[in-house]
Amino acid sequence: MGIGAGIFLIAIGAIFAFAVDANLGWLNVNVVGWVLMLTGVVGLLITLHFWNRRRTVVATPVRQGRVVADRVVPVQDDRVVREEYREVRRPGYPA
């Protein structure tokens, strides 16, 4: 429905319920106003609920790159130090 439409229905319902004093015989304007206000509040709450769900953070999976070269560095302090070079390309880009 949207925030604007919910607020609009609440405002029109309040006008019908509290400000209009009409006697139509077959239609109670006060009840129509209360129904419009209730509809506006429910629509506003549903809209805010869906907006709140949309703003939640979703963890994206980590893309693994492919190993292009694996080079061995000379021994330092009796241990082998290895450097690894990874080239990560975005999907859709040429290789």
PDB file of N, CA and C in Angstrom:
ATOM      1  N   MET A   1       0.831  -1.179   0.000  1.00  0.00           N
ATOM      2  CA  MET A   1       0.000   0.000   0.000  1.00  0.00           C
ATOM      3  C   MET A   1       0.875   1.242   0.000  1.00  0.00           C
ATOM      4  N   GLY A   2       1.808   1.319   0.890  1.00  0.00           N
ATOM      5  CA  GLY A   2       2.692   2.469   0.957  1.00  0.00           C
ATOM      6  C   GLY A   2       2.400   3.325   2.168  1.00  0.00           C
ATOM      7  N   ILE A   3       3.398   4.077   2.588  1.00  0.00           N
ATOM      8  CA  ILE A   3       3.259   4.931   3.760  1.00  0.00           C
ATOM      9  C   ILE A   3       2.279   6.064   3.487  1.00  0.00           C
ATOM     10  N   GLY A   4       2.395   6.666   2.317  1.00  0.00           N
ATOM     11  CA  GLY A   4       1.514   7.786   1.980  1.00  0.00           C
ATOM     12  C   GLY A   4       0.054   7.388   1.925  1.00  0.00           C
ATOM     13  N   ALA A   5      -0.240   6.242   1.335  1.00  0.00           N
ATOM     14  CA  ALA A   5      -1.625   5.785   1.241  1.00  0.00           C
ATOM     15  C   ALA A   5      -2.170   5.433   2.619  1.00  0.00           C
ATOM     16  N   GLY A   6      -1.351   4.845   3.480  1.00  0.00           N
ATOM     17  CA  GLY A   6      -1.787   4.529   4.836  1.00  0.00           C
ATOM     18  C   GLY A   6      -2.126   5.777   5.632  1.00  0.00           C
ATOM     19  N   ILE A   7      -1.262   6.780   5.549  1.00  0.00           N
ATOM     20  CA  ILE A   7      -1.514   8.038   6.255  1.00  0.00           C
ATOM     21  C   ILE A   7      -2.742   8.734   5.680  1.00  0.00           C
ATOM     22  N   PHE A   8      -2.913   8.679   4.364  1.00  0.00           N
ATOM     23  CA  PHE A   8      -4.083   9.286   3.723  1.00  0.00           C
ATOM     24  C   PHE A   8      -5.375   8.624   4.216  1.00  0.00           C
ATOM     25  N   LEU A   9      -5.400   7.286   4.287  1.00  0.00           N
ATOM     26  CA  LEU A   9      -6.596   6.601   4.768  1.00  0.00           C
ATOM     27  C   LEU A   9      -6.876   6.926   6.239  1.00  0.00           C
ATOM     28  N   ILE A  10      -5.833   7.040   7.042  1.00  0.00           N
ATOM     29  CA  ILE A  10      -6.024   7.410   8.446  1.00  0.00           C
ATOM     30  C   ILE A  10      -6.620   8.811   8.550  1.00  0.00           C
ATOM     31  N   ALA A  11      -6.113   9.742   7.753  1.00  0.00           N
ATOM     32  CA  ALA A  11      -6.613  11.122   7.793  1.00  0.00           C
ATOM     33  C   ALA A  11      -8.065  11.206   7.321  1.00  0.00           C
ATOM     34  N   ILE A  12      -8.396  10.569   6.220  1.00  0.00           N
ATOM     35  CA  ILE A  12      -9.777  10.589   5.714  1.00  0.00           C
ATOM     36  C   ILE A  12     -10.715   9.902   6.703  1.00  0.00           C
ATOM     37  N   GLY A  13     -10.271   8.802   7.293  1.00  0.00           N
ATOM     38  CA  GLY A  13     -11.082   8.109   8.291  1.00  0.00           C
ATOM     39  C   GLY A  13     -11.328   8.963   9.518  1.00  0.00           C
ATOM     40  N   ALA A  14     -10.300   9.697   9.967  1.00  0.00           N
ATOM     41  CA  ALA A  14     -10.469  10.576  11.123  1.00  0.00           C
ATOM     42  C   ALA A  14     -11.447  11.703  10.816  1.00  0.00           C
ATOM     43  N   ILE A  15     -11.385  12.217   9.612  1.00  0.00           N
ATOM     44  CA  ILE A  15     -12.335  13.270   9.225  1.00  0.00           C
ATOM     45  C   ILE A  15     -13.753  12.722   9.240  1.00  0.00           C
ATOM     46  N   PHE A  16     -13.961  11.551   8.643  1.00  0.00           N
ATOM     47  CA  PHE A  16     -15.300  10.957   8.629  1.00  0.00           C
ATOM     48  C   PHE A  16     -15.784  10.605  10.038  1.00  0.00           C
ATOM     49  N   ALA A  17     -14.879  10.101  10.885  1.00  0.00           N
ATOM     50  CA  ALA A  17     -15.294   9.645  12.210  1.00  0.00           C
ATOM     51  C   ALA A  17     -15.550  10.800  13.174  1.00  0.00           C
ATOM     52  N   PHE A  18     -14.760  11.857  13.098  1.00  0.00           N
ATOM     53  CA  PHE A  18     -14.838  12.900  14.122  1.00  0.00           C
ATOM     54  C   PHE A  18     -15.417  14.232  13.627  1.00  0.00           C
ATOM     55  N   ALA A  19     -15.274  14.557  12.358  1.00  0.00           N
ATOM     56  CA  ALA A  19     -15.652  15.896  11.898  1.00  0.00           C
ATOM     57  C   ALA A  19     -16.959  15.930  11.121  1.00  0.00           C
ATOM     58  N   VAL A  20     -17.325  14.859  10.471  1.00  0.00           N
ATOM     59  CA  VAL A  20     -18.523  14.863   9.640  1.00  0.00           C
ATOM     60  C   VAL A  20     -19.713  14.436  10.497  1.00  0.00           C
ATOM     61  N   ASP A  21     -20.760  15.244  10.436  1.00  0.00           N
ATOM     62  CA  ASP A  21     -21.989  14.925  11.168  1.00  0.00           C
ATOM     63  C   ASP A  21     -23.131  14.856  10.154  1.00  0.00           C
ATOM     64  N   ALA A  22     -23.121  13.790   9.380  1.00  0.00           N
ATOM     65  CA  ALA A  22     -24.143  13.618   8.349  1.00  0.00           C
ATOM     66  C   ALA A  22     -25.024  12.438   8.705  1.00  0.00           C
ATOM     67  N   ASN A  23     -26.275  12.544   8.358  1.00  0.00           N
ATOM     68  CA  ASN A  23     -27.224  11.476   8.618  1.00  0.00           C
ATOM     69  C   ASN A  23     -27.745  10.982   7.278  1.00  0.00           C
ATOM     70  N   LEU A  24     -27.228   9.868   6.807  1.00  0.00           N
ATOM     71  CA  LEU A  24     -27.639   9.331   5.521  1.00  0.00           C
ATOM     72  C   LEU A  24     -28.671   8.228   5.658  1.00  0.00           C
ATOM     73  N   GLY A  25     -28.972   7.799   6.842  1.00  0.00           N
ATOM     74  CA  GLY A  25     -30.001   6.788   7.052  1.00  0.00           C
ATOM     75  C   GLY A  25     -29.502   5.381   6.811  1.00  0.00           C
ATOM     76  N   TRP A  26     -29.056   5.084   5.629  1.00  0.00           N
ATOM     77  CA  TRP A  26     -28.597   3.737   5.283  1.00  0.00           C
ATOM     78  C   TRP A  26     -27.094   3.564   5.470  1.00  0.00           C
ATOM     79  N   LEU A  27     -26.349   4.670   5.742  1.00  0.00           N
ATOM     80  CA  LEU A  27     -24.891   4.598   5.885  1.00  0.00           C
ATOM     81  C   LEU A  27     -24.468   5.404   7.103  1.00  0.00           C
ATOM     82  N   ASN A  28     -23.781   4.747   8.012  1.00  0.00           N
ATOM     83  CA  ASN A  28     -23.254   5.435   9.184  1.00  0.00           C
ATOM     84  C   ASN A  28     -21.844   5.928   8.842  1.00  0.00           C
ATOM     85  N   VAL A  29     -21.683   7.229   8.706  1.00  0.00           N
ATOM     86  CA  VAL A  29     -20.412   7.821   8.283  1.00  0.00           C
ATOM     87  C   VAL A  29     -19.338   7.620   9.350  1.00  0.00           C
ATOM     88  N   ASN A  30     -19.729   7.596  10.617  1.00  0.00           N
ATOM     89  CA  ASN A  30     -18.748   7.376  11.683  1.00  0.00           C
ATOM     90  C   ASN A  30     -18.115   5.992  11.572  1.00  0.00           C
ATOM     91  N   VAL A  31     -18.913   4.984  11.272  1.00  0.00           N
ATOM     92  CA  VAL A  31     -18.377   3.624  11.126  1.00  0.00           C
ATOM     93  C   VAL A  31     -17.454   3.545   9.906  1.00  0.00           C
ATOM     94  N   VAL A  32     -17.826   4.213   8.820  1.00  0.00           N
ATOM     95  CA  VAL A  32     -16.957   4.247   7.636  1.00  0.00           C
ATOM     96  C   VAL A  32     -15.619   4.883   7.989  1.00  0.00           C
ATOM     97  N   GLY A  33     -15.649   5.946   8.784  1.00  0.00           N
ATOM     98  CA  GLY A  33     -14.404   6.595   9.208  1.00  0.00           C
ATOM     99  C   GLY A  33     -13.527   5.672  10.031  1.00  0.00           C
ATOM    100  N   TRP A  34     -14.124   4.937  10.988  1.00  0.00           N
ATOM    101  CA  TRP A  34     -13.344   4.011  11.800  1.00  0.00           C
ATOM    102  C   TRP A  34     -12.771   2.868  10.962  1.00  0.00           C
ATOM    103  N   VAL A  35     -13.533   2.392   9.991  1.00  0.00           N
ATOM    104  CA  VAL A  35     -13.034   1.323   9.116  1.00  0.00           C
ATOM    105  C   VAL A  35     -11.871   1.834   8.272  1.00  0.00           C
ATOM    106  N   LEU A  36     -11.984   3.058   7.754  1.00  0.00           N
ATOM    107  CA  LEU A  36     -10.883   3.624   6.971  1.00  0.00           C
ATOM    108  C   LEU A  36      -9.634   3.826   7.831  1.00  0.00           C
ATOM    109  N   MET A  37      -9.806   4.297   9.056  1.00  0.00           N
ATOM    110  CA  MET A  37      -8.647   4.471   9.942  1.00  0.00           C
ATOM    111  C   MET A  37      -7.990   3.132  10.256  1.00  0.00           C
ATOM    112  N   LEU A  38      -8.785   2.132  10.540  1.00  0.00           N
ATOM    113  CA  LEU A  38      -8.235   0.807  10.825  1.00  0.00           C
ATOM    114  C   LEU A  38      -7.503   0.241   9.610  1.00  0.00           C
ATOM    115  N   THR A  39      -8.083   0.419   8.438  1.00  0.00           N
ATOM    116  CA  THR A  39      -7.423  -0.048   7.208  1.00  0.00           C
ATOM    117  C   THR A  39      -6.096   0.679   6.981  1.00  0.00           C
ATOM    118  N   GLY A  40      -6.089   1.975   7.238  1.00  0.00           N
ATOM    119  CA  GLY A  40      -4.850   2.749   7.093  1.00  0.00           C
ATOM    120  C   GLY A  40      -3.774   2.309   8.057  1.00  0.00           C
ATOM    121  N   VAL A  41      -4.145   2.047   9.312  1.00  0.00           N
ATOM    122  CA  VAL A  41      -3.162   1.609  10.314  1.00  0.00           C
ATOM    123  C   VAL A  41      -2.602   0.242   9.950  1.00  0.00           C
ATOM    124  N   VAL A  42      -3.477  -0.685   9.547  1.00  0.00           N
ATOM    125  CA  VAL A  42      -3.015  -2.034   9.173  1.00  0.00           C
ATOM    126  C   VAL A  42      -2.108  -1.959   7.946  1.00  0.00           C
ATOM    127  N   GLY A  43      -2.504  -1.175   6.946  1.00  0.00           N
ATOM    128  CA  GLY A  43      -1.662  -1.024   5.757  1.00  0.00           C
ATOM    129  C   GLY A  43      -0.323  -0.391   6.073  1.00  0.00           C
ATOM    130  N   LEU A  44      -0.316   0.588   6.972  1.00  0.00           N
ATOM    131  CA  LEU A  44       0.931   1.237   7.371  1.00  0.00           C
ATOM    132  C   LEU A  44       1.840   0.266   8.115  1.00  0.00           C
ATOM    133  N   LEU A  45       1.279  -0.537   9.002  1.00  0.00           N
ATOM    134  CA  LEU A  45       2.089  -1.516   9.733  1.00  0.00           C
ATOM    135  C   LEU A  45       2.658  -2.588   8.805  1.00  0.00           C
ATOM    136  N   ILE A  46       1.861  -3.051   7.852  1.00  0.00           N
ATOM    137  CA  ILE A  46       2.361  -4.047   6.900  1.00  0.00           C
ATOM    138  C   ILE A  46       3.474  -3.460   6.040  1.00  0.00           C
ATOM    139  N   THR A  47       3.288  -2.229   5.590  1.00  0.00           N
ATOM    140  CA  THR A  47       4.327  -1.577   4.782  1.00  0.00           C
ATOM    141  C   THR A  47       5.615  -1.427   5.573  1.00  0.00           C
ATOM    142  N   LEU A  48       5.519  -0.963   6.811  1.00  0.00           N
ATOM    143  CA  LEU A  48       6.726  -0.805   7.634  1.00  0.00           C
ATOM    144  C   LEU A  48       7.386  -2.146   7.927  1.00  0.00           C
ATOM    145  N   HIS A  49       6.587  -3.185   8.086  1.00  0.00           N
ATOM    146  CA  HIS A  49       7.155  -4.521   8.313  1.00  0.00           C
ATOM    147  C   HIS A  49       7.965  -4.979   7.099  1.00  0.00           C
ATOM    148  N   PHE A  50       7.417  -4.797   5.908  1.00  0.00           N
ATOM    149  CA  PHE A  50       8.143  -5.226   4.713  1.00  0.00           C
ATOM    150  C   PHE A  50       9.352  -4.351   4.440  1.00  0.00           C
ATOM    151  N   TRP A  51       9.279  -3.066   4.752  1.00  0.00           N
ATOM    152  CA  TRP A  51      10.445  -2.204   4.597  1.00  0.00           C
ATOM    153  C   TRP A  51      11.540  -2.617   5.558  1.00  0.00           C
ATOM    154  N   ASN A  52      11.151  -2.993   6.772  1.00  0.00           N
ATOM    155  CA  ASN A  52      12.132  -3.420   7.758  1.00  0.00           C
ATOM    156  C   ASN A  52      12.794  -4.727   7.345  1.00  0.00           C
ATOM    157  N   ARG A  53      12.035  -5.657   6.766  1.00  0.00           N
ATOM    158  CA  ARG A  53      12.612  -6.920   6.299  1.00  0.00           C
ATOM    159  C   ARG A  53      13.561  -6.689   5.143  1.00  0.00           C
ATOM    160  N   ARG A  54      13.255  -5.705   4.300  1.00  0.00           N
ATOM    161  CA  ARG A  54      14.077  -5.465   3.121  1.00  0.00           C
ATOM    162  C   ARG A  54      15.434  -4.892   3.495  1.00  0.00           C
ATOM    163  N   ARG A  55      15.514  -4.224   4.630  1.00  0.00           N
ATOM    164  CA  ARG A  55      16.758  -3.583   5.035  1.00  0.00           C
ATOM    165  C   ARG A  55      17.691  -4.486   5.826  1.00  0.00           C
ATOM    166  N   THR A  56      17.338  -5.728   6.058  1.00  0.00           N
ATOM    167  CA  THR A  56      18.216  -6.620   6.797  1.00  0.00           C
ATOM    168  C   THR A  56      19.420  -6.987   5.943  1.00  0.00           C
ATOM    169  N   VAL A  57      20.537  -7.187   6.591  1.00  0.00           N
ATOM    170  CA  VAL A  57      21.779  -7.502   5.901  1.00  0.00           C
ATOM    171  C   VAL A  57      21.837  -9.006   5.658  1.00  0.00           C
ATOM    172  N   VAL A  58      22.108  -9.366   4.439  1.00  0.00           N
ATOM    173  CA  VAL A  58      22.238 -10.766   4.078  1.00  0.00           C
ATOM    174  C   VAL A  58      23.703 -11.017   3.736  1.00  0.00           C
ATOM    175  N   ALA A  59      24.272 -12.015   4.371  1.00  0.00           N
ATOM    176  CA  ALA A  59      25.676 -12.326   4.121  1.00  0.00           C
ATOM    177  C   ALA A  59      25.822 -12.909   2.722  1.00  0.00           C
ATOM    178  N   THR A  60      26.749 -12.359   1.963  1.00  0.00           N
ATOM    179  CA  THR A  60      27.008 -12.868   0.620  1.00  0.00           C
ATOM    180  C   THR A  60      28.143 -13.878   0.689  1.00  0.00           C
ATOM    181  N   PRO A  61      28.074 -14.911  -0.107  1.00  0.00           N
ATOM    182  CA  PRO A  61      29.153 -15.905  -0.076  1.00  0.00           C
ATOM    183  C   PRO A  61      30.456 -15.313  -0.617  1.00  0.00           C
ATOM    184  N   VAL A  62      31.547 -15.776  -0.051  1.00  0.00           N
ATOM    185  CA  VAL A  62      32.865 -15.315  -0.477  1.00  0.00           C
ATOM    186  C   VAL A  62      33.253 -16.090  -1.728  1.00  0.00           C
ATOM    187  N   ARG A  63      33.637 -15.358  -2.746  1.00  0.00           N
ATOM    188  CA  ARG A  63      34.051 -16.018  -3.993  1.00  0.00           C
ATOM    189  C   ARG A  63      35.518 -16.425  -3.867  1.00  0.00           C
ATOM    190  N   GLN A  64      35.787 -17.639  -4.253  1.00  0.00           N
ATOM    191  CA  GLN A  64      37.149 -18.143  -4.189  1.00  0.00           C
ATOM    192  C   GLN A  64      37.845 -17.863  -5.512  1.00  0.00           C
ATOM    193  N   GLY A  65      39.040 -17.328  -5.420  1.00  0.00           N
ATOM    194  CA  GLY A  65      39.816 -17.080  -6.626  1.00  0.00           C
ATOM    195  C   GLY A  65      40.611 -18.311  -7.003  1.00  0.00           C
ATOM    196  N   ARG A  66      41.108 -18.325  -8.202  1.00  0.00           N
ATOM    197  CA  ARG A  66      41.913 -19.467  -8.622  1.00  0.00           C
ATOM    198  C   ARG A  66      43.390 -19.130  -8.441  1.00  0.00           C
ATOM    199  N   VAL A  67      44.168 -20.118  -8.099  1.00  0.00           N
ATOM    200  CA  VAL A  67      45.597 -19.915  -7.896  1.00  0.00           C
ATOM    201  C   VAL A  67      46.262 -19.857  -9.259  1.00  0.00           C
ATOM    202  N   VAL A  68      46.893 -18.716  -9.546  1.00  0.00           N
ATOM    203  CA  VAL A  68      47.557 -18.550 -10.840  1.00  0.00           C
ATOM    204  C   VAL A  68      48.996 -19.046 -10.772  1.00  0.00           C
ATOM    205  N   ALA A  69      49.696 -18.701  -9.715  1.00  0.00           N
ATOM    206  CA  ALA A  69      51.086 -19.133  -9.587  1.00  0.00           C
ATOM    207  C   ALA A  69      51.376 -19.416  -8.119  1.00  0.00           C
ATOM    208  N   ASP A  70      52.193 -20.396  -7.883  1.00  0.00           N
ATOM    209  CA  ASP A  70      52.589 -20.746  -6.531  1.00  0.00           C
ATOM    210  C   ASP A  70      54.111 -20.722  -6.505  1.00  0.00           C
ATOM    211  N   ARG A  71      54.651 -19.639  -5.947  1.00  0.00           N
ATOM    212  CA  ARG A  71      56.105 -19.469  -5.957  1.00  0.00           C
ATOM    213  C   ARG A  71      56.686 -19.786  -4.584  1.00  0.00           C
ATOM    214  N   VAL A  72      57.850 -20.391  -4.556  1.00  0.00           N
ATOM    215  CA  VAL A  72      58.529 -20.715  -3.303  1.00  0.00           C
ATOM    216  C   VAL A  72      59.634 -19.687  -3.099  1.00  0.00           C
ATOM    217  N   VAL A  73      59.638 -19.117  -1.890  1.00  0.00           N
ATOM    218  CA  VAL A  73      60.638 -18.121  -1.534  1.00  0.00           C
ATOM    219  C   VAL A  73      61.771 -18.857  -0.828  1.00  0.00           C
ATOM    220  N   PRO A  74      62.983 -18.382  -0.937  1.00  0.00           N
ATOM    221  CA  PRO A  74      64.103 -19.065  -0.281  1.00  0.00           C
ATOM    222  C   PRO A  74      63.866 -19.262   1.219  1.00  0.00           C
ATOM    223  N   VAL A  75      64.591 -20.225   1.785  1.00  0.00           N
ATOM    224  CA  VAL A  75      64.450 -20.571   3.194  1.00  0.00           C
ATOM    225  C   VAL A  75      64.946 -19.412   4.041  1.00  0.00           C
ATOM    226  N   GLN A  76      64.120 -19.067   5.047  1.00  0.00           N
ATOM    227  CA  GLN A  76      64.507 -18.011   5.986  1.00  0.00           C
ATOM    228  C   GLN A  76      64.333 -18.561   7.407  1.00  0.00           C
ATOM    229  N   ASP A  77      65.382 -18.571   8.182  1.00  0.00           N
ATOM    230  CA  ASP A  77      65.362 -19.043   9.568  1.00  0.00           C
ATOM    231  C   ASP A  77      64.842 -20.475   9.667  1.00  0.00           C
ATOM    232  N   ASP A  78      65.358 -21.375   8.849  1.00  0.00           N
ATOM    233  CA  ASP A  78      65.010 -22.797   8.852  1.00  0.00           C
ATOM    234  C   ASP A  78      63.523 -23.076   8.585  1.00  0.00           C
ATOM    235  N   ARG A  79      62.871 -22.222   7.865  1.00  0.00           N
ATOM    236  CA  ARG A  79      61.491 -22.486   7.475  1.00  0.00           C
ATOM    237  C   ARG A  79      61.273 -21.969   6.056  1.00  0.00           C
ATOM    238  N   VAL A  80      60.422 -22.614   5.376  1.00  0.00           N
ATOM    239  CA  VAL A  80      60.115 -22.227   4.005  1.00  0.00           C
ATOM    240  C   VAL A  80      58.925 -21.265   4.048  1.00  0.00           C
ATOM    241  N   VAL A  81      59.103 -20.131   3.418  1.00  0.00           N
ATOM    242  CA  VAL A  81      58.029 -19.143   3.351  1.00  0.00           C
ATOM    243  C   VAL A  81      57.423 -19.228   1.966  1.00  0.00           C
ATOM    244  N   ARG A  82      56.125 -19.410   1.895  1.00  0.00           N
ATOM    245  CA  ARG A  82      55.456 -19.533   0.605  1.00  0.00           C
ATOM    246  C   ARG A  82      54.565 -18.318   0.392  1.00  0.00           C
ATOM    247  N   GLU A  83      54.614 -17.790  -0.781  1.00  0.00           N
ATOM    248  CA  GLU A  83      53.717 -16.720  -1.168  1.00  0.00           C
ATOM    249  C   GLU A  83      52.740 -17.282  -2.183  1.00  0.00           C
ATOM    250  N   GLU A  84      51.554 -16.874  -2.054  1.00  0.00           N
ATOM    251  CA  GLU A  84      50.536 -17.359  -2.974  1.00  0.00           C
ATOM    252  C   GLU A  84      49.903 -16.159  -3.667  1.00  0.00           C
ATOM    253  N   TYR A  85      49.800 -16.243  -4.968  1.00  0.00           N
ATOM    254  CA  TYR A  85      49.218 -15.173  -5.760  1.00  0.00           C
ATOM    255  C   TYR A  85      47.869 -15.636  -6.266  1.00  0.00           C
ATOM    256  N   ARG A  86      46.832 -14.898  -5.923  1.00  0.00           N
ATOM    257  CA  ARG A  86      45.482 -15.249  -6.381  1.00  0.00           C
ATOM    258  C   ARG A  86      44.967 -14.149  -7.289  1.00  0.00           C
ATOM    259  N   GLU A  87      44.402 -14.575  -8.381  1.00  0.00           N
ATOM    260  CA  GLU A  87      43.780 -13.635  -9.307  1.00  0.00           C
ATOM    261  C   GLU A  87      42.282 -13.917  -9.300  1.00  0.00           C
ATOM    262  N   VAL A  88      41.534 -12.931  -8.876  1.00  0.00           N
ATOM    263  CA  VAL A  88      40.089 -13.078  -8.768  1.00  0.00           C
ATOM    264  C   VAL A  88      39.446 -12.204  -9.824  1.00  0.00           C
ATOM    265  N   ARG A  89      38.624 -12.805 -10.636  1.00  0.00           N
ATOM    266  CA  ARG A  89      37.947 -12.053 -11.690  1.00  0.00           C
ATOM    267  C   ARG A  89      36.451 -12.020 -11.392  1.00  0.00           C
ATOM    268  N   ARG A  90      35.835 -10.912 -11.735  1.00  0.00           N
ATOM    269  CA  ARG A  90      34.396 -10.786 -11.564  1.00  0.00           C
ATOM    270  C   ARG A  90      33.691 -11.615 -12.617  1.00  0.00           C
ATOM    271  N   PRO A  91      32.527 -12.156 -12.287  1.00  0.00           N
ATOM    272  CA  PRO A  91      31.775 -12.920 -13.284  1.00  0.00           C
ATOM    273  C   PRO A  91      31.363 -12.020 -14.436  1.00  0.00           C
ATOM    274  N   GLY A  92      31.484 -12.547 -15.612  1.00  0.00           N
ATOM    275  CA  GLY A  92      31.079 -11.798 -16.802  1.00  0.00           C
ATOM    276  C   GLY A  92      32.219 -11.067 -17.486  1.00  0.00           C
ATOM    277  N   TYR A  93      33.378 -10.942 -16.838  1.00  0.00           N
ATOM    278  CA  TYR A  93      34.506 -10.309 -17.480  1.00  0.00           C
ATOM    279  C   TYR A  93      35.314 -11.354 -18.234  1.00  0.00           C
ATOM    280  N   PRO A  94      35.918 -10.954 -19.323  1.00  0.00           N
ATOM    281  CA  PRO A  94      36.703 -11.938 -20.091  1.00  0.00           C
ATOM    282  C   PRO A  94      37.905 -12.436 -19.300  1.00  0.00           C
ATOM    283  N   ALA A  95      38.292 -13.656 -19.567  1.00  0.00           N
ATOM    284  CA  ALA A  95      39.389 -14.290 -18.837  1.00  0.00           C
ATOM    285  C   ALA A  95      40.733 -13.775 -19.231  1.00  0.00           C
TER     286      ALA A  95
END
